[in-house]
Each structure stands twice: as structure tokens, then as C-alpha cells.
Amino acid sequence: MKKRKFAGVVVMVVTCIGATVNAYAAPTAAQLAREMADAVAPSLPMRINQNLTMQTVVAGGNTITYTASFSYTREQMNQVLAQSGKSDAEARAMMRNAAKGGVCAQGPEGRAFVALGGRVRYLYRFVDGSPYETIEVASCD
């Protein structure tokens, strides 16, 4: 009888210790993704500049996905690029650099999230909903 009570107490103690450790364990990338998305979602849609509006944010696993819409069509973008002497490839490269800088250089939170295995994905669309570019930041190197 005493052995059973002792075994029961041991199981209860181990269970309590496990619950306490889990409560104080470092958050996972998936937990942080959910918390970050939940923190941003109430402020959306958010106008980033005169040509870009952040529409949605969702967390799935270790990834936060933002959807942003341009205020112009593909044709209008092509005209602006032609007038500025920039190629579409240059525009996309600038967007990739800006996305990475936004995640990695704006503060320790983004860098820490990526270091835990988190990913930040940006889906860019034109005003008509057609896709332009998908950028994923998975490293701050």
C-alpha cells in the first residue's frame, strides 16, 4: 500500500514539474508567430505609404504571412518602372531588401523570431488582386 501511495506521489510531482517547466519554457517560433499576428491583426488594413496597404496577417506554424496590396495595376507599375529606368528585377530586389531589413533591422524581436526558426512571408498583389511577388525572410544573414 505504501509503495502505491509513493508511486502516486511521484507521478503527481513529475506531472507538476513538467507543467511548471512547460509554463516557463522559451516560446517556440510557432507560438511567437501566433502572438505577433494576433498583435498586428487589429490594426489592419494599414496604409504603409501612398502606394501600399497591408491587408491581412495570418500565422501558420512557424510562419507569419502578410498580404499587401499596391494601389495600382501591373500596367501602371510597368509605366513607372520604364519612366524611372528601373527593371522589374531591380524593383523586386529592392522589395526583398526592404522586407529583410524590416524583419531583421527594425529591432531584436524580428531577428530573435527568425533565429528560432520563424519565417516572415510577404504576398504582394496589385489593386485588381493579381499576384506580383512573394518574399520570404527566413534568415538575417
N, C-alpha and C. Protein backbone atom coordinates (compact mmCIF):
# COMPACT_ATOMS: atom_id res chain seq x y z
N MET A 1 0.82 -1.19 0.00
CA MET A 1 0.00 0.00 0.00
C MET A 1 0.86 1.25 0.00
N LYS A 2 1.93 1.24 0.83
CA LYS A 2 2.80 2.40 0.90
C LYS A 2 3.51 2.64 -0.43
N LYS A 3 3.87 1.55 -1.13
CA LYS A 3 4.54 1.69 -2.42
C LYS A 3 3.61 2.35 -3.43
N ARG A 4 2.31 2.02 -3.40
CA ARG A 4 1.36 2.62 -4.33
C ARG A 4 1.21 4.11 -4.07
N LYS A 5 1.09 4.48 -2.79
CA LYS A 5 0.96 5.90 -2.45
C LYS A 5 2.20 6.65 -2.88
N PHE A 6 3.37 6.06 -2.63
CA PHE A 6 4.62 6.70 -3.00
C PHE A 6 4.69 6.87 -4.52
N ALA A 7 4.31 5.84 -5.26
CA ALA A 7 4.32 5.91 -6.72
C ALA A 7 3.35 6.98 -7.20
N GLY A 8 2.19 7.07 -6.56
CA GLY A 8 1.22 8.10 -6.93
C GLY A 8 1.75 9.49 -6.68
N VAL A 9 2.43 9.68 -5.54
CA VAL A 9 3.02 10.98 -5.22
C VAL A 9 4.11 11.33 -6.23
N VAL A 10 4.93 10.36 -6.60
CA VAL A 10 6.00 10.59 -7.57
C VAL A 10 5.40 11.02 -8.91
N VAL A 11 4.36 10.34 -9.35
CA VAL A 11 3.70 10.70 -10.62
C VAL A 11 3.15 12.12 -10.55
N MET A 12 2.53 12.47 -9.43
CA MET A 12 1.98 13.82 -9.28
C MET A 12 3.08 14.87 -9.30
N VAL A 13 4.18 14.61 -8.61
CA VAL A 13 5.29 15.56 -8.58
C VAL A 13 5.89 15.73 -9.96
N VAL A 14 6.13 14.62 -10.65
CA VAL A 14 6.70 14.69 -12.00
C VAL A 14 5.76 15.46 -12.93
N THR A 15 4.46 15.21 -12.82
CA THR A 15 3.48 15.91 -13.64
C THR A 15 3.50 17.40 -13.35
N CYS A 16 3.55 17.77 -12.08
CA CYS A 16 3.59 19.19 -11.71
C CYS A 16 4.86 19.85 -12.20
N ILE A 17 5.98 19.17 -12.06
CA ILE A 17 7.25 19.73 -12.54
C ILE A 17 7.19 19.92 -14.05
N GLY A 18 6.66 18.93 -14.76
CA GLY A 18 6.54 19.05 -16.21
C GLY A 18 5.67 20.23 -16.61
N ALA A 19 4.57 20.42 -15.92
CA ALA A 19 3.67 21.54 -16.22
C ALA A 19 4.36 22.87 -15.93
N THR A 20 5.11 22.94 -14.84
CA THR A 20 5.82 24.16 -14.49
C THR A 20 6.91 24.47 -15.51
N VAL A 21 7.66 23.48 -15.91
CA VAL A 21 8.71 23.68 -16.90
C VAL A 21 8.10 24.17 -18.21
N ASN A 22 7.00 23.55 -18.65
CA ASN A 22 6.35 23.97 -19.88
C ASN A 22 5.84 25.40 -19.79
N ALA A 23 5.35 25.79 -18.61
CA ALA A 23 4.84 27.15 -18.45
C ALA A 23 5.95 28.18 -18.56
N TYR A 24 7.16 27.81 -18.19
CA TYR A 24 8.28 28.74 -18.22
C TYR A 24 9.26 28.47 -19.36
N ALA A 25 8.96 27.52 -20.21
CA ALA A 25 9.84 27.20 -21.32
C ALA A 25 9.85 28.35 -22.32
N ALA A 26 10.95 28.47 -23.02
CA ALA A 26 11.07 29.50 -24.04
C ALA A 26 10.00 29.27 -25.11
N PRO A 27 9.43 30.34 -25.62
CA PRO A 27 8.40 30.17 -26.64
C PRO A 27 8.98 29.59 -27.93
N THR A 28 8.16 28.89 -28.65
CA THR A 28 8.57 28.36 -29.95
C THR A 28 8.28 29.40 -31.02
N ALA A 29 8.85 29.18 -32.21
CA ALA A 29 8.59 30.08 -33.33
C ALA A 29 7.10 30.10 -33.65
N ALA A 30 6.44 28.96 -33.56
CA ALA A 30 5.00 28.90 -33.85
C ALA A 30 4.20 29.72 -32.85
N GLN A 31 4.57 29.65 -31.57
CA GLN A 31 3.88 30.45 -30.55
C GLN A 31 4.09 31.93 -30.80
N LEU A 32 5.33 32.31 -31.11
CA LEU A 32 5.62 33.72 -31.39
C LEU A 32 4.91 34.20 -32.64
N ALA A 33 4.84 33.36 -33.66
CA ALA A 33 4.14 33.74 -34.90
C ALA A 33 2.69 34.07 -34.58
N ARG A 34 2.04 33.22 -33.81
CA ARG A 34 0.65 33.44 -33.44
C ARG A 34 0.51 34.74 -32.65
N GLU A 35 1.38 34.96 -31.65
CA GLU A 35 1.30 36.16 -30.83
C GLU A 35 1.53 37.42 -31.66
N MET A 36 2.51 37.37 -32.56
CA MET A 36 2.81 38.54 -33.39
C MET A 36 1.66 38.83 -34.35
N ALA A 37 1.11 37.81 -34.97
CA ALA A 37 -0.02 38.01 -35.89
C ALA A 37 -1.23 38.56 -35.13
N ASP A 38 -1.49 38.01 -33.95
CA ASP A 38 -2.62 38.48 -33.15
C ASP A 38 -2.44 39.94 -32.73
N ALA A 39 -1.20 40.35 -32.49
CA ALA A 39 -0.93 41.73 -32.09
C ALA A 39 -1.13 42.71 -33.24
N VAL A 40 -0.79 42.30 -34.46
CA VAL A 40 -0.86 43.19 -35.62
C VAL A 40 -2.27 43.22 -36.22
N ALA A 41 -2.96 42.10 -36.22
CA ALA A 41 -4.24 41.97 -36.93
C ALA A 41 -5.26 43.07 -36.63
N PRO A 42 -5.43 43.50 -35.38
CA PRO A 42 -6.45 44.53 -35.12
C PRO A 42 -6.18 45.87 -35.82
N SER A 43 -4.94 46.13 -36.19
CA SER A 43 -4.61 47.42 -36.82
C SER A 43 -4.69 47.37 -38.35
N LEU A 44 -5.11 46.24 -38.91
CA LEU A 44 -5.20 46.10 -40.36
C LEU A 44 -6.61 46.37 -40.85
N PRO A 45 -6.77 46.89 -42.06
CA PRO A 45 -5.71 47.25 -43.00
C PRO A 45 -4.94 48.48 -42.52
N MET A 46 -3.66 48.53 -42.90
CA MET A 46 -2.77 49.62 -42.51
C MET A 46 -2.07 50.17 -43.75
N ARG A 47 -2.21 51.45 -43.96
CA ARG A 47 -1.56 52.08 -45.10
C ARG A 47 -0.07 52.24 -44.78
N ILE A 48 0.79 51.64 -45.60
CA ILE A 48 2.24 51.71 -45.40
C ILE A 48 2.77 52.99 -46.03
N ASN A 49 2.32 53.28 -47.24
CA ASN A 49 2.63 54.53 -47.93
C ASN A 49 1.52 54.78 -48.93
N GLN A 50 1.68 55.78 -49.79
CA GLN A 50 0.58 56.12 -50.70
C GLN A 50 0.28 55.02 -51.71
N ASN A 51 1.21 54.10 -51.91
CA ASN A 51 1.03 53.05 -52.91
C ASN A 51 0.85 51.64 -52.36
N LEU A 52 0.94 51.47 -51.05
CA LEU A 52 0.93 50.12 -50.49
C LEU A 52 0.12 50.08 -49.20
N THR A 53 -0.77 49.09 -49.11
CA THR A 53 -1.59 48.88 -47.91
C THR A 53 -1.44 47.43 -47.46
N MET A 54 -1.09 47.25 -46.19
CA MET A 54 -1.04 45.92 -45.60
C MET A 54 -2.47 45.51 -45.30
N GLN A 55 -2.92 44.40 -45.89
CA GLN A 55 -4.32 44.00 -45.78
C GLN A 55 -4.58 42.97 -44.69
N THR A 56 -3.78 41.89 -44.68
CA THR A 56 -4.05 40.80 -43.74
C THR A 56 -2.75 40.27 -43.15
N VAL A 57 -2.89 39.58 -42.03
CA VAL A 57 -1.78 38.84 -41.43
C VAL A 57 -2.36 37.55 -40.86
N VAL A 58 -1.67 36.45 -41.13
CA VAL A 58 -2.07 35.16 -40.56
C VAL A 58 -0.82 34.42 -40.11
N ALA A 59 -0.98 33.60 -39.10
CA ALA A 59 0.11 32.75 -38.63
C ALA A 59 -0.25 31.32 -38.95
N GLY A 60 0.72 30.59 -39.46
CA GLY A 60 0.55 29.17 -39.73
C GLY A 60 1.85 28.47 -39.40
N GLY A 61 1.84 27.68 -38.36
CA GLY A 61 3.08 27.05 -37.93
C GLY A 61 4.08 28.11 -37.50
N ASN A 62 5.29 28.03 -38.04
CA ASN A 62 6.33 28.98 -37.67
C ASN A 62 6.40 30.17 -38.62
N THR A 63 5.35 30.38 -39.43
CA THR A 63 5.36 31.42 -40.45
C THR A 63 4.28 32.45 -40.21
N ILE A 64 4.67 33.71 -40.34
CA ILE A 64 3.72 34.82 -40.35
C ILE A 64 3.61 35.26 -41.81
N THR A 65 2.39 35.35 -42.32
CA THR A 65 2.19 35.75 -43.71
C THR A 65 1.39 37.04 -43.76
N TYR A 66 2.00 38.06 -44.38
CA TYR A 66 1.34 39.34 -44.59
C TYR A 66 0.93 39.43 -46.05
N THR A 67 -0.26 39.96 -46.30
CA THR A 67 -0.69 40.25 -47.66
C THR A 67 -0.80 41.76 -47.80
N ALA A 68 -0.15 42.28 -48.84
CA ALA A 68 -0.16 43.71 -49.09
C ALA A 68 -0.64 43.98 -50.51
N SER A 69 -1.37 45.08 -50.67
CA SER A 69 -1.90 45.44 -51.98
C SER A 69 -1.34 46.78 -52.43
N PHE A 70 -0.89 46.79 -53.69
CA PHE A 70 -0.49 48.05 -54.31
C PHE A 70 -1.76 48.82 -54.69
N SER A 71 -1.65 50.11 -54.83
CA SER A 71 -2.79 50.93 -55.24
C SER A 71 -2.83 51.11 -56.75
N TYR A 72 -2.10 50.29 -57.49
CA TYR A 72 -2.05 50.42 -58.94
C TYR A 72 -2.04 49.05 -59.61
N THR A 73 -2.18 49.07 -60.92
CA THR A 73 -2.21 47.83 -61.71
C THR A 73 -0.80 47.48 -62.18
N ARG A 74 -0.66 46.32 -62.74
CA ARG A 74 0.61 45.88 -63.32
C ARG A 74 1.04 46.85 -64.43
N GLU A 75 0.10 47.26 -65.27
CA GLU A 75 0.42 48.17 -66.37
C GLU A 75 0.95 49.50 -65.84
N GLN A 76 0.31 50.03 -64.81
CA GLN A 76 0.77 51.29 -64.22
C GLN A 76 2.16 51.13 -63.62
N MET A 77 2.42 50.01 -62.99
CA MET A 77 3.74 49.76 -62.43
C MET A 77 4.79 49.70 -63.54
N ASN A 78 4.47 49.01 -64.62
CA ASN A 78 5.40 48.93 -65.74
C ASN A 78 5.72 50.31 -66.30
N GLN A 79 4.73 51.19 -66.37
CA GLN A 79 4.95 52.55 -66.85
C GLN A 79 5.90 53.31 -65.93
N VAL A 80 5.66 53.21 -64.63
CA VAL A 80 6.51 53.90 -63.65
C VAL A 80 7.94 53.36 -63.72
N LEU A 81 8.09 52.05 -63.82
CA LEU A 81 9.42 51.46 -63.93
C LEU A 81 10.13 51.94 -65.19
N ALA A 82 9.42 51.98 -66.30
CA ALA A 82 10.02 52.43 -67.56
C ALA A 82 10.46 53.89 -67.45
N GLN A 83 9.63 54.72 -66.85
CA GLN A 83 9.96 56.14 -66.69
C GLN A 83 11.16 56.35 -65.78
N SER A 84 11.30 55.49 -64.80
CA SER A 84 12.41 55.64 -63.84
C SER A 84 13.69 54.94 -64.30
N GLY A 85 13.59 54.16 -65.37
CA GLY A 85 14.76 53.44 -65.87
C GLY A 85 15.10 52.21 -65.05
N LYS A 86 14.16 51.75 -64.24
CA LYS A 86 14.37 50.55 -63.42
C LYS A 86 13.71 49.35 -64.08
N SER A 87 14.31 48.20 -63.88
CA SER A 87 13.71 46.96 -64.39
C SER A 87 12.82 46.35 -63.32
N ASP A 88 11.97 45.43 -63.74
CA ASP A 88 11.13 44.70 -62.80
C ASP A 88 12.01 43.92 -61.82
N ALA A 89 13.09 43.34 -62.31
CA ALA A 89 14.01 42.58 -61.44
C ALA A 89 14.62 43.49 -60.38
N GLU A 90 14.96 44.72 -60.75
CA GLU A 90 15.51 45.66 -59.77
C GLU A 90 14.46 46.03 -58.72
N ALA A 91 13.23 46.22 -59.17
CA ALA A 91 12.15 46.54 -58.23
C ALA A 91 11.94 45.40 -57.24
N ARG A 92 11.96 44.18 -57.74
CA ARG A 92 11.77 43.02 -56.86
C ARG A 92 12.94 42.88 -55.88
N ALA A 93 14.15 43.13 -56.34
CA ALA A 93 15.33 43.06 -55.46
C ALA A 93 15.23 44.11 -54.35
N MET A 94 14.78 45.31 -54.71
CA MET A 94 14.61 46.36 -53.70
C MET A 94 13.56 45.95 -52.67
N MET A 95 12.50 45.32 -53.12
CA MET A 95 11.46 44.86 -52.20
C MET A 95 11.98 43.76 -51.28
N ARG A 96 12.78 42.84 -51.82
CA ARG A 96 13.37 41.78 -50.98
C ARG A 96 14.27 42.38 -49.90
N ASN A 97 15.09 43.36 -50.29
CA ASN A 97 15.97 44.00 -49.31
C ASN A 97 15.17 44.74 -48.25
N ALA A 98 14.11 45.43 -48.67
CA ALA A 98 13.28 46.16 -47.71
C ALA A 98 12.58 45.19 -46.76
N ALA A 99 12.11 44.06 -47.28
CA ALA A 99 11.43 43.07 -46.43
C ALA A 99 12.40 42.51 -45.40
N LYS A 100 13.59 42.15 -45.85
CA LYS A 100 14.58 41.59 -44.92
C LYS A 100 14.98 42.63 -43.88
N GLY A 101 15.17 43.86 -44.32
CA GLY A 101 15.50 44.93 -43.38
C GLY A 101 14.39 45.17 -42.38
N GLY A 102 13.16 45.07 -42.85
CA GLY A 102 12.02 45.26 -41.96
C GLY A 102 11.95 44.20 -40.88
N VAL A 103 12.33 43.00 -41.21
CA VAL A 103 12.30 41.91 -40.23
C VAL A 103 13.54 41.93 -39.35
N CYS A 104 14.70 42.10 -39.96
CA CYS A 104 15.97 41.89 -39.25
C CYS A 104 16.59 43.14 -38.64
N ALA A 105 16.29 44.30 -39.17
CA ALA A 105 16.99 45.51 -38.71
C ALA A 105 16.13 46.43 -37.87
N GLN A 106 14.85 46.14 -37.73
CA GLN A 106 13.96 47.06 -37.02
C GLN A 106 13.93 46.85 -35.51
N GLY A 107 14.60 45.84 -35.03
CA GLY A 107 14.60 45.60 -33.59
C GLY A 107 14.93 44.15 -33.31
N PRO A 108 15.16 43.84 -32.05
CA PRO A 108 15.58 42.48 -31.70
C PRO A 108 14.48 41.43 -31.86
N GLU A 109 13.22 41.83 -31.86
CA GLU A 109 12.13 40.85 -31.92
C GLU A 109 12.14 40.07 -33.22
N GLY A 110 12.26 40.77 -34.34
CA GLY A 110 12.26 40.10 -35.64
C GLY A 110 13.44 39.17 -35.80
N ARG A 111 14.60 39.65 -35.42
CA ARG A 111 15.82 38.85 -35.51
C ARG A 111 15.71 37.61 -34.61
N ALA A 112 15.18 37.77 -33.40
CA ALA A 112 15.02 36.63 -32.48
C ALA A 112 14.01 35.62 -33.03
N PHE A 113 12.93 36.12 -33.63
CA PHE A 113 11.92 35.24 -34.21
C PHE A 113 12.53 34.37 -35.31
N VAL A 114 13.29 34.99 -36.19
CA VAL A 114 13.93 34.25 -37.29
C VAL A 114 14.98 33.28 -36.73
N ALA A 115 15.71 33.69 -35.70
CA ALA A 115 16.72 32.82 -35.11
C ALA A 115 16.10 31.56 -34.51
N LEU A 116 14.84 31.65 -34.07
CA LEU A 116 14.13 30.48 -33.52
C LEU A 116 13.58 29.57 -34.62
N GLY A 117 13.78 29.96 -35.87
CA GLY A 117 13.25 29.16 -36.98
C GLY A 117 11.99 29.75 -37.59
N GLY A 118 11.64 30.96 -37.16
CA GLY A 118 10.46 31.62 -37.71
C GLY A 118 10.71 32.15 -39.12
N ARG A 119 9.64 32.32 -39.84
CA ARG A 119 9.69 32.85 -41.21
C ARG A 119 8.63 33.94 -41.33
N VAL A 120 8.98 34.97 -42.11
CA VAL A 120 8.02 36.03 -42.40
C VAL A 120 7.85 36.07 -43.91
N ARG A 121 6.61 35.91 -44.34
CA ARG A 121 6.30 35.87 -45.77
C ARG A 121 5.44 37.07 -46.12
N TYR A 122 5.79 37.72 -47.23
CA TYR A 122 5.02 38.84 -47.75
C TYR A 122 4.45 38.47 -49.10
N LEU A 123 3.15 38.61 -49.26
CA LEU A 123 2.49 38.38 -50.54
C LEU A 123 2.04 39.74 -51.07
N TYR A 124 2.62 40.15 -52.19
CA TYR A 124 2.28 41.44 -52.79
C TYR A 124 1.33 41.22 -53.95
N ARG A 125 0.26 42.02 -53.98
CA ARG A 125 -0.75 41.92 -55.03
C ARG A 125 -1.03 43.31 -55.60
N PHE A 126 -1.48 43.31 -56.84
CA PHE A 126 -1.91 44.56 -57.46
C PHE A 126 -3.32 44.88 -57.01
N VAL A 127 -3.77 46.08 -57.33
CA VAL A 127 -5.08 46.54 -56.90
C VAL A 127 -6.20 45.63 -57.38
N ASP A 128 -6.00 44.96 -58.50
CA ASP A 128 -7.02 44.04 -59.02
C ASP A 128 -6.95 42.65 -58.39
N GLY A 129 -6.01 42.45 -57.46
CA GLY A 129 -5.88 41.17 -56.77
C GLY A 129 -4.89 40.21 -57.40
N SER A 130 -4.39 40.54 -58.57
CA SER A 130 -3.43 39.64 -59.22
C SER A 130 -2.10 39.68 -58.48
N PRO A 131 -1.43 38.54 -58.39
CA PRO A 131 -0.18 38.47 -57.61
C PRO A 131 0.98 39.17 -58.31
N TYR A 132 1.86 39.75 -57.51
CA TYR A 132 3.09 40.34 -58.04
C TYR A 132 4.31 39.57 -57.56
N GLU A 133 4.47 39.45 -56.25
CA GLU A 133 5.69 38.85 -55.72
C GLU A 133 5.41 38.22 -54.36
N THR A 134 6.11 37.15 -54.07
CA THR A 134 6.10 36.54 -52.74
C THR A 134 7.53 36.57 -52.24
N ILE A 135 7.71 37.14 -51.06
CA ILE A 135 9.04 37.26 -50.47
C ILE A 135 9.00 36.58 -49.11
N GLU A 136 9.97 35.72 -48.84
CA GLU A 136 10.04 35.05 -47.55
C GLU A 136 11.38 35.34 -46.90
N VAL A 137 11.33 35.81 -45.67
CA VAL A 137 12.54 36.07 -44.89
C VAL A 137 12.67 34.94 -43.88
N ALA A 138 13.73 34.15 -44.03
CA ALA A 138 13.96 33.01 -43.14
C ALA A 138 15.32 33.09 -42.47
N SER A 139 16.06 34.16 -42.76
CA SER A 139 17.41 34.31 -42.22
C SER A 139 17.75 35.79 -42.15
N CYS A 140 18.54 36.16 -41.18
CA CYS A 140 19.02 37.54 -41.09
C CYS A 140 20.49 37.63 -41.45
N ASP A 141 21.03 36.59 -42.09
CA ASP A 141 22.44 36.59 -42.50
C ASP A 141 22.64 37.47 -43.70
